[in-house]
Amino acid sequence: MKLRSILAGAAVLALFAAPAFAEDYVGGAVKSAEIGGKTVLTGPNDMTLYIFDKDAPGVTNCYEQCAVNWPPLMADASAKPEGEFTIVDRTDGSKMWAYKGWPLYYWKSDAKPGDITGDGVGGVWHLAVE
């Protein structure tokens, strides 16, 4: 009887744990959402991510005021590349996530999930799409 109770308890825990695993994207960092008819990458806070034309694959060129306006999607020091998601080293020794080599950023003026106000800013910022 105790074994049955333990197994039933484990099954209930597994049901509650399943959604947590479903949310675990690339080290818990990157997800995707349908926004404006496009599959757009979002961070763990569900905010839209962007790429910068002045970057190069594997290289970020957004520092100082640029990084204030366009905060990088930072990666934990122990983060590991996974599929199309890679890690870019910043000049200060920190790390950030990239998709297909392109560093990923938030836009300071997006106020809530689903906002895409950074798309097209300065002609060099674009939605990060799958």
C-alpha atoms as a PDB file:
ATOM      1  CA  MET A   1       0.000   0.000   0.000  1.00  0.00           C
ATOM      2  CA  LYS A   2       2.846   2.410   0.817  1.00  0.00           C
ATOM      3  CA  LEU A   3       4.487   1.757  -2.558  1.00  0.00           C
ATOM      4  CA  ARG A   4       1.230   2.607  -4.337  1.00  0.00           C
ATOM      5  CA  SER A   5       1.011   5.887  -2.382  1.00  0.00           C
ATOM      6  CA  ILE A   6       4.601   6.735  -3.215  1.00  0.00           C
ATOM      7  CA  LEU A   7       4.031   6.000  -6.902  1.00  0.00           C
ATOM      8  CA  ALA A   8       0.818   8.036  -6.929  1.00  0.00           C
ATOM      9  CA  GLY A   9       2.639  10.917  -5.269  1.00  0.00           C
ATOM     10  CA  ALA A  10       5.467  10.687  -7.794  1.00  0.00           C
ATOM     11  CA  ALA A  11       2.956  10.735 -10.661  1.00  0.00           C
ATOM     12  CA  VAL A  12       1.323  13.881  -9.278  1.00  0.00           C
ATOM     13  CA  LEU A  13       4.712  15.560  -8.903  1.00  0.00           C
ATOM     14  CA  ALA A  14       5.610  14.604 -12.468  1.00  0.00           C
ATOM     15  CA  LEU A  15       2.421  16.241 -13.737  1.00  0.00           C
ATOM     16  CA  PHE A  16       3.290  19.470 -11.962  1.00  0.00           C
ATOM     17  CA  ALA A  17       6.931  19.310 -13.023  1.00  0.00           C
ATOM     18  CA  ALA A  18       6.142  18.797 -16.722  1.00  0.00           C
ATOM     19  CA  PRO A  19       5.286  22.468 -17.387  1.00  0.00           C
ATOM     20  CA  ALA A  20       8.578  23.528 -15.802  1.00  0.00           C
ATOM     21  CA  PHE A  21      10.496  21.295 -18.191  1.00  0.00           C
ATOM     22  CA  ALA A  22       8.486  22.648 -21.122  1.00  0.00           C
ATOM     23  CA  GLU A  23       9.716  26.129 -20.206  1.00  0.00           C
ATOM     24  CA  ASP A  24      13.370  25.083 -20.123  1.00  0.00           C
ATOM     25  CA  TYR A  25      14.686  26.484 -23.415  1.00  0.00           C
ATOM     26  CA  VAL A  26      18.379  26.783 -24.177  1.00  0.00           C
ATOM     27  CA  GLY A  27      19.519  26.912 -20.613  1.00  0.00           C
ATOM     28  CA  GLY A  28      16.249  28.572 -19.624  1.00  0.00           C
ATOM     29  CA  ALA A  29      17.016  31.594 -21.776  1.00  0.00           C
ATOM     30  CA  VAL A  30      15.336  31.645 -25.167  1.00  0.00           C
ATOM     31  CA  LYS A  31      11.777  30.851 -26.205  1.00  0.00           C
ATOM     32  CA  SER A  32       9.658  31.756 -29.199  1.00  0.00           C
ATOM     33  CA  ALA A  33       6.278  33.373 -29.596  1.00  0.00           C
ATOM     34  CA  GLU A  34       3.942  34.211 -32.448  1.00  0.00           C
ATOM     35  CA  ILE A  35       4.003  38.010 -32.706  1.00  0.00           C
ATOM     36  CA  GLY A  36       2.618  39.880 -35.683  1.00  0.00           C
ATOM     37  CA  GLY A  37       2.430  36.686 -37.736  1.00  0.00           C
ATOM     38  CA  LYS A  38       6.102  35.850 -37.179  1.00  0.00           C
ATOM     39  CA  THR A  39       7.809  33.371 -34.880  1.00  0.00           C
ATOM     40  CA  VAL A  40       9.892  35.765 -32.794  1.00  0.00           C
ATOM     41  CA  LEU A  41      12.502  34.801 -30.221  1.00  0.00           C
ATOM     42  CA  THR A  42      11.846  35.963 -26.670  1.00  0.00           C
ATOM     43  CA  GLY A  43      13.859  35.901 -23.478  1.00  0.00           C
ATOM     44  CA  PRO A  44      12.950  34.130 -20.240  1.00  0.00           C
ATOM     45  CA  ASN A  45      10.813  37.158 -19.307  1.00  0.00           C
ATOM     46  CA  ASP A  46       8.846  36.698 -22.594  1.00  0.00           C
ATOM     47  CA  MET A  47      10.164  40.008 -23.941  1.00  0.00           C
ATOM     48  CA  THR A  48      11.039  40.278 -27.636  1.00  0.00           C
ATOM     49  CA  LEU A  49      14.642  39.766 -28.744  1.00  0.00           C
ATOM     50  CA  TYR A  50      16.440  41.631 -31.520  1.00  0.00           C
ATOM     51  CA  ILE A  51      19.561  41.416 -33.672  1.00  0.00           C
ATOM     52  CA  PHE A  52      21.886  44.257 -34.705  1.00  0.00           C
ATOM     53  CA  ASP A  53      23.179  44.733 -38.283  1.00  0.00           C
ATOM     54  CA  LYS A  54      26.479  46.155 -36.987  1.00  0.00           C
ATOM     55  CA  ASP A  55      27.308  42.878 -35.233  1.00  0.00           C
ATOM     56  CA  ALA A  56      28.902  39.933 -36.985  1.00  0.00           C
ATOM     57  CA  PRO A  57      28.269  36.257 -36.339  1.00  0.00           C
ATOM     58  CA  GLY A  58      29.887  35.500 -32.981  1.00  0.00           C
ATOM     59  CA  VAL A  59      30.773  39.155 -32.326  1.00  0.00           C
ATOM     60  CA  THR A  60      28.867  41.858 -30.469  1.00  0.00           C
ATOM     61  CA  ASN A  61      29.534  45.510 -31.219  1.00  0.00           C
ATOM     62  CA  CYS A  62      26.955  46.881 -28.781  1.00  0.00           C
ATOM     63  CA  TYR A  63      28.603  48.375 -25.704  1.00  0.00           C
ATOM     64  CA  GLU A  64      28.256  51.447 -23.464  1.00  0.00           C
ATOM     65  CA  GLN A  65      25.130  53.489 -24.359  1.00  0.00           C
ATOM     66  CA  CYS A  66      24.161  50.967 -27.006  1.00  0.00           C
ATOM     67  CA  ALA A  67      24.023  48.223 -24.339  1.00  0.00           C
ATOM     68  CA  VAL A  68      21.979  50.517 -22.076  1.00  0.00           C
ATOM     69  CA  ASN A  69      19.400  50.983 -24.847  1.00  0.00           C
ATOM     70  CA  TRP A  70      19.709  47.402 -26.098  1.00  0.00           C
ATOM     71  CA  PRO A  71      20.482  45.172 -23.098  1.00  0.00           C
ATOM     72  CA  PRO A  72      22.171  41.937 -24.176  1.00  0.00           C
ATOM     73  CA  LEU A  73      20.519  38.616 -23.395  1.00  0.00           C
ATOM     74  CA  MET A  74      23.160  37.561 -20.915  1.00  0.00           C
ATOM     75  CA  ALA A  75      24.229  33.940 -20.567  1.00  0.00           C
ATOM     76  CA  ASP A  76      25.253  32.341 -17.314  1.00  0.00           C
ATOM     77  CA  ALA A  77      28.987  31.629 -17.065  1.00  0.00           C
ATOM     78  CA  SER A  78      28.208  27.898 -17.189  1.00  0.00           C
ATOM     79  CA  ALA A  79      25.905  28.147 -20.243  1.00  0.00           C
ATOM     80  CA  LYS A  80      26.658  25.789 -23.110  1.00  0.00           C
ATOM     81  CA  PRO A  81      25.804  26.192 -26.810  1.00  0.00           C
ATOM     82  CA  GLU A  82      22.793  24.180 -27.926  1.00  0.00           C
ATOM     83  CA  GLY A  83      21.847  23.685 -31.565  1.00  0.00           C
ATOM     84  CA  GLU A  84      21.483  27.058 -33.301  1.00  0.00           C
ATOM     85  CA  PHE A  85      22.028  28.886 -29.995  1.00  0.00           C
ATOM     86  CA  THR A  86      25.606  29.835 -29.212  1.00  0.00           C
ATOM     87  CA  ILE A  87      27.485  31.918 -26.671  1.00  0.00           C
ATOM     88  CA  VAL A  88      29.254  35.189 -27.511  1.00  0.00           C
ATOM     89  CA  ASP A  89      32.048  36.517 -25.297  1.00  0.00           C
ATOM     90  CA  ARG A  90      31.810  40.211 -24.447  1.00  0.00           C
ATOM     91  CA  THR A  91      34.903  42.373 -23.936  1.00  0.00           C
ATOM     92  CA  ASP A  92      34.233  42.585 -20.181  1.00  0.00           C
ATOM     93  CA  GLY A  93      34.435  38.795 -19.868  1.00  0.00           C
ATOM     94  CA  SER A  94      30.672  38.279 -19.598  1.00  0.00           C
ATOM     95  CA  LYS A  95      28.752  36.096 -22.020  1.00  0.00           C
ATOM     96  CA  MET A  96      25.569  36.542 -24.027  1.00  0.00           C
ATOM     97  CA  TRP A  97      23.312  34.338 -26.105  1.00  0.00           C
ATOM     98  CA  ALA A  98      23.297  34.344 -29.908  1.00  0.00           C
ATOM     99  CA  TYR A  99      21.038  32.713 -32.482  1.00  0.00           C
ATOM    100  CA  LYS A 100      22.695  31.411 -35.646  1.00  0.00           C
ATOM    101  CA  GLY A 101      25.741  33.351 -34.460  1.00  0.00           C
ATOM    102  CA  TRP A 102      23.915  36.693 -34.131  1.00  0.00           C
ATOM    103  CA  PRO A 103      23.961  38.204 -30.617  1.00  0.00           C
ATOM    104  CA  LEU A 104      20.534  38.722 -29.040  1.00  0.00           C
ATOM    105  CA  TYR A 105      19.286  41.891 -27.331  1.00  0.00           C
ATOM    106  CA  TYR A 106      16.220  43.369 -25.686  1.00  0.00           C
ATOM    107  CA  TRP A 107      14.969  46.906 -26.491  1.00  0.00           C
ATOM    108  CA  LYS A 108      14.643  49.250 -23.506  1.00  0.00           C
ATOM    109  CA  SER A 109      11.370  50.732 -24.802  1.00  0.00           C
ATOM    110  CA  ASP A 110       9.447  47.471 -25.068  1.00  0.00           C
ATOM    111  CA  ALA A 111       7.138  47.623 -22.049  1.00  0.00           C
ATOM    112  CA  LYS A 112       5.415  44.234 -22.111  1.00  0.00           C
ATOM    113  CA  PRO A 113       5.606  40.823 -23.785  1.00  0.00           C
ATOM    114  CA  GLY A 114       4.519  41.059 -27.402  1.00  0.00           C
ATOM    115  CA  ASP A 115       5.866  44.604 -27.892  1.00  0.00           C
ATOM    116  CA  ILE A 116       8.049  44.926 -30.990  1.00  0.00           C
ATOM    117  CA  THR A 117       8.800  48.659 -30.892  1.00  0.00           C
ATOM    118  CA  GLY A 118      12.511  48.041 -31.539  1.00  0.00           C
ATOM    119  CA  ASP A 119      11.965  46.495 -34.968  1.00  0.00           C
ATOM    120  CA  GLY A 120      13.572  48.742 -37.570  1.00  0.00           C
ATOM    121  CA  VAL A 121      15.080  51.271 -35.134  1.00  0.00           C
ATOM    122  CA  GLY A 122      17.811  53.176 -36.957  1.00  0.00           C
ATOM    123  CA  GLY A 123      17.414  50.793 -39.869  1.00  0.00           C
ATOM    124  CA  VAL A 124      19.840  48.412 -38.100  1.00  0.00           C
ATOM    125  CA  TRP A 125      17.754  46.651 -35.424  1.00  0.00           C
ATOM    126  CA  HIS A 126      15.477  43.760 -36.365  1.00  0.00           C
ATOM    127  CA  LEU A 127      13.292  41.147 -34.728  1.00  0.00           C
ATOM    128  CA  ALA A 128      15.140  37.921 -33.988  1.00  0.00           C
ATOM    129  CA  VAL A 129      12.996  35.407 -35.877  1.00  0.00           C
ATOM    130  CA  GLU A 130      13.291  31.664 -36.237  1.00  0.00           C
END
